[in-house]
Structures are given as structure tokens and as C-alpha cells.
Amino acid sequence: MTDKATRIDVRTAREHLDSDPEALLVCAYDDETKFHQFHLAGAISLPEFEARARSLEKDREVIFYCA
């Protein structure tokens, strides 16, 4: 694991999500309208992520996306 964000392409993101059931997909919009417009199955909203961030395991993979 790294403490820096790494940009990955869509295919790699899908591979990570498919291979790690604990990986978390986050729609990186704080606007609720954009969240619903660009929501992907299984993704949580940025406000939900922020609310849960302190309770998440530090080594859990988190993938942020925006359109």
C-alpha cells in the first residue's frame, strides 16, 4: 500500500474491485445531483465516504472516480 494516490484507468479499477471484495468505490462528487447522474453500481457518495472515513481500515483500498 502507498500513502499517495495513484491514477489508474477504468479497466484496472474494475480489476481491483473484482479481485478485492473489500475495495471501496467512491463517486468523487459532493453534489447529490451529480452523484445520482454519475453513480456506478456499488459506489458510495463522497459525503458518505467522509462520514465513514475514520472508521475504515487504513489498508483498505479506496477508488475514487469522477466523470
C-alpha atoms as a PDB file:
ATOM      1  CA  MET A   1       0.000   0.000   0.000  1.00  0.00           C
ATOM      2  CA  THR A   2       1.065   3.548  -0.648  1.00  0.00           C
ATOM      3  CA  ASP A   3       0.130   6.766   1.075  1.00  0.00           C
ATOM      4  CA  LYS A   4      -0.091   8.584  -2.252  1.00  0.00           C
ATOM      5  CA  ALA A   5      -2.957   8.488  -4.705  1.00  0.00           C
ATOM      6  CA  THR A   6      -2.244   6.654  -7.914  1.00  0.00           C
ATOM      7  CA  ARG A   7      -4.202   7.312 -11.087  1.00  0.00           C
ATOM      8  CA  ILE A   8      -5.488   4.121 -12.681  1.00  0.00           C
ATOM      9  CA  ASP A   9      -7.568   3.504 -15.776  1.00  0.00           C
ATOM     10  CA  VAL A  10     -11.095   2.122 -15.809  1.00  0.00           C
ATOM     11  CA  ARG A  11     -10.030  -1.428 -16.647  1.00  0.00           C
ATOM     12  CA  THR A  12      -7.557  -1.509 -13.751  1.00  0.00           C
ATOM     13  CA  ALA A  13     -10.177  -0.106 -11.377  1.00  0.00           C
ATOM     14  CA  ARG A  14     -12.601  -2.862 -12.396  1.00  0.00           C
ATOM     15  CA  GLU A  15      -9.892  -5.500 -11.878  1.00  0.00           C
ATOM     16  CA  HIS A  16      -9.168  -4.160  -8.392  1.00  0.00           C
ATOM     17  CA  LEU A  17     -12.856  -4.132  -7.482  1.00  0.00           C
ATOM     18  CA  ASP A  18     -13.378  -7.638  -8.859  1.00  0.00           C
ATOM     19  CA  SER A  19     -10.366  -9.091  -7.058  1.00  0.00           C
ATOM     20  CA  ASP A  20     -10.800  -7.341  -3.703  1.00  0.00           C
ATOM     21  CA  PRO A  21     -14.298  -7.532  -2.197  1.00  0.00           C
ATOM     22  CA  GLU A  22     -13.230  -5.026   0.465  1.00  0.00           C
ATOM     23  CA  ALA A  23     -12.243  -2.326  -2.053  1.00  0.00           C
ATOM     24  CA  LEU A  24     -14.449   0.729  -1.783  1.00  0.00           C
ATOM     25  CA  LEU A  25     -15.693   2.639  -4.828  1.00  0.00           C
ATOM     26  CA  VAL A  26     -16.418   6.319  -4.195  1.00  0.00           C
ATOM     27  CA  CYS A  27     -18.126   8.736  -6.564  1.00  0.00           C
ATOM     28  CA  ALA A  28     -15.995  11.843  -6.022  1.00  0.00           C
ATOM     29  CA  TYR A  29     -18.742  14.450  -6.388  1.00  0.00           C
ATOM     30  CA  ASP A  30     -20.041  16.199  -3.286  1.00  0.00           C
ATOM     31  CA  ASP A  31     -23.114  17.363  -5.213  1.00  0.00           C
ATOM     32  CA  GLU A  32     -26.025  14.937  -4.755  1.00  0.00           C
ATOM     33  CA  THR A  33     -27.360  15.591  -8.276  1.00  0.00           C
ATOM     34  CA  LYS A  34     -24.010  14.711  -9.862  1.00  0.00           C
ATOM     35  CA  PHE A  35     -23.731  11.646  -7.625  1.00  0.00           C
ATOM     36  CA  HIS A  36     -27.058  10.334  -8.940  1.00  0.00           C
ATOM     37  CA  GLN A  37     -26.173  11.306 -12.521  1.00  0.00           C
ATOM     38  CA  PHE A  38     -22.785   9.538 -12.498  1.00  0.00           C
ATOM     39  CA  HIS A  39     -23.438   6.786  -9.936  1.00  0.00           C
ATOM     40  CA  LEU A  40     -21.901   3.384 -10.671  1.00  0.00           C
ATOM     41  CA  ALA A  41     -23.268   0.209  -9.110  1.00  0.00           C
ATOM     42  CA  GLY A  42     -21.766  -0.320  -5.683  1.00  0.00           C
ATOM     43  CA  ALA A  43     -20.365   3.202  -5.353  1.00  0.00           C
ATOM     44  CA  ILE A  44     -20.957   5.375  -2.331  1.00  0.00           C
ATOM     45  CA  SER A  45     -21.186   9.158  -2.313  1.00  0.00           C
ATOM     46  CA  LEU A  46     -18.337  11.408  -1.248  1.00  0.00           C
ATOM     47  CA  PRO A  47     -20.294  12.679   1.805  1.00  0.00           C
ATOM     48  CA  GLU A  48     -20.938   9.070   2.851  1.00  0.00           C
ATOM     49  CA  PHE A  49     -17.240   8.273   2.457  1.00  0.00           C
ATOM     50  CA  GLU A  50     -16.297  11.315   4.535  1.00  0.00           C
ATOM     51  CA  ALA A  51     -18.706  10.228   7.272  1.00  0.00           C
ATOM     52  CA  ARG A  52     -17.220   6.710   7.337  1.00  0.00           C
ATOM     53  CA  ALA A  53     -13.552   7.572   6.693  1.00  0.00           C
ATOM     54  CA  ARG A  54     -12.368   7.485  10.301  1.00  0.00           C
ATOM     55  CA  SER A  55     -13.818   4.033  10.857  1.00  0.00           C
ATOM     56  CA  LEU A  56     -12.330   2.464   7.716  1.00  0.00           C
ATOM     57  CA  GLU A  57      -9.319   0.210   7.973  1.00  0.00           C
ATOM     58  CA  LYS A  58      -6.168   2.089   6.974  1.00  0.00           C
ATOM     59  CA  ASP A  59      -5.097  -0.560   4.451  1.00  0.00           C
ATOM     60  CA  ARG A  60      -8.457  -0.742   2.679  1.00  0.00           C
ATOM     61  CA  GLU A  61      -8.251   0.172  -0.987  1.00  0.00           C
ATOM     62  CA  VAL A  62     -10.405   3.150  -1.924  1.00  0.00           C
ATOM     63  CA  ILE A  63     -11.041   4.007  -5.569  1.00  0.00           C
ATOM     64  CA  PHE A  64     -12.387   7.463  -6.333  1.00  0.00           C
ATOM     65  CA  TYR A  65     -13.892   8.262  -9.697  1.00  0.00           C
ATOM     66  CA  CYS A  66     -15.483  11.182 -11.471  1.00  0.00           C
ATOM     67  CA  ALA A  67     -16.839  11.547 -14.976  1.00  0.00           C
END
